Amino acid sequence: MNWTWFHKLGSPKWFYGISGRLLPWLSVAALLLIAVGVVWGLAFAPPDYQQGNSFRIIYIHVPAAMLAQSIYVMLA
């Protein structure tokens, strides 16, 4: 297998060129997948048998808390 295309990504010139072309497509894909995940998590997930619909906040709260803690660690 020829891996020279992968080694080129170590060069900033090649990396910025390739990532600049891929950024619009990956941004659209990311936004679409985030929207699908939010809809599935908040609208289609069945309610918990003990907590009902209040359990669904965990689908938003946990990723938001992890993101906040990650940002805090990066700032330290």
Protein backbone atom coordinates (compact mmCIF):
# COMPACT_ATOMS: atom_id res chain seq x y z
CA MET A 1 0.00 0.00 0.00
CA ASN A 2 1.24 3.45 -0.86
CA TRP A 3 0.93 5.82 2.12
CA THR A 4 2.66 8.86 0.61
CA TRP A 5 -0.65 10.75 0.43
CA PHE A 6 -0.97 10.37 4.21
CA HIS A 7 2.56 11.61 4.88
CA LYS A 8 1.86 14.75 2.85
CA LEU A 9 -0.71 15.79 5.47
CA GLY A 10 2.17 16.43 7.87
CA SER A 11 3.15 19.42 5.76
CA PRO A 12 1.12 22.55 6.59
CA LYS A 13 0.98 23.49 2.91
CA TRP A 14 -0.74 20.24 1.93
CA PHE A 15 -2.86 20.05 5.07
CA TYR A 16 -4.30 23.55 4.68
CA GLY A 17 -4.97 22.94 1.01
CA ILE A 18 -6.83 19.69 1.58
CA SER A 19 -8.66 20.85 4.70
CA GLY A 20 -9.72 24.06 2.96
CA ARG A 21 -11.39 22.04 0.22
CA LEU A 22 -13.03 19.63 2.66
CA LEU A 23 -14.21 22.19 5.22
CA PRO A 24 -17.49 23.23 3.52
CA TRP A 25 -18.53 19.62 2.95
CA LEU A 26 -17.61 18.48 6.43
CA SER A 27 -19.35 21.50 7.98
CA VAL A 28 -22.61 20.66 6.21
CA ALA A 29 -22.29 17.01 7.26
CA ALA A 30 -21.58 17.99 10.88
CA LEU A 31 -24.57 20.34 11.08
CA LEU A 32 -26.84 17.74 9.53
CA LEU A 33 -25.68 15.03 11.93
CA ILE A 34 -26.04 17.34 14.94
CA ALA A 35 -29.59 18.21 13.89
CA VAL A 36 -30.49 14.55 13.39
CA GLY A 37 -29.01 13.65 16.79
CA VAL A 38 -30.93 16.39 18.59
CA VAL A 39 -34.20 15.41 16.93
CA TRP A 40 -33.70 11.71 17.65
CA GLY A 41 -32.63 12.39 21.24
CA LEU A 42 -35.41 14.81 22.12
CA ALA A 43 -38.33 13.76 19.92
CA PHE A 44 -38.03 10.06 19.13
CA ALA A 45 -36.39 8.69 22.28
CA PRO A 46 -38.94 6.88 24.42
CA PRO A 47 -39.62 8.30 27.89
CA ASP A 48 -38.02 6.58 30.84
CA TYR A 49 -40.34 4.35 32.81
CA GLN A 50 -39.51 6.07 36.13
CA GLN A 51 -38.56 9.63 35.21
CA GLY A 52 -40.73 10.18 32.16
CA ASN A 53 -39.72 12.92 29.74
CA SER A 54 -37.43 14.71 32.22
CA PHE A 55 -34.76 12.07 31.47
CA ARG A 56 -34.24 13.49 27.99
CA ILE A 57 -32.33 16.50 29.34
CA ILE A 58 -29.40 14.12 29.82
CA TYR A 59 -28.94 14.02 26.04
CA ILE A 60 -28.11 17.74 26.08
CA HIS A 61 -26.70 18.24 29.57
CA VAL A 62 -23.97 15.57 29.53
CA PRO A 63 -22.34 16.61 26.21
CA ALA A 64 -22.56 20.28 27.24
CA ALA A 65 -20.91 19.52 30.59
CA MET A 66 -18.16 17.51 28.91
CA LEU A 67 -17.53 20.34 26.45
CA ALA A 68 -17.36 22.89 29.28
CA GLN A 69 -14.91 20.76 31.26
CA SER A 70 -12.76 20.19 28.18
CA ILE A 71 -12.59 23.93 27.54
CA TYR A 72 -11.65 24.50 31.18
CA VAL A 73 -8.82 21.96 30.93
CA MET A 74 -7.55 23.52 27.70
CA LEU A 75 -7.43 26.94 29.36
CA ALA A 76 -5.46 25.65 32.35
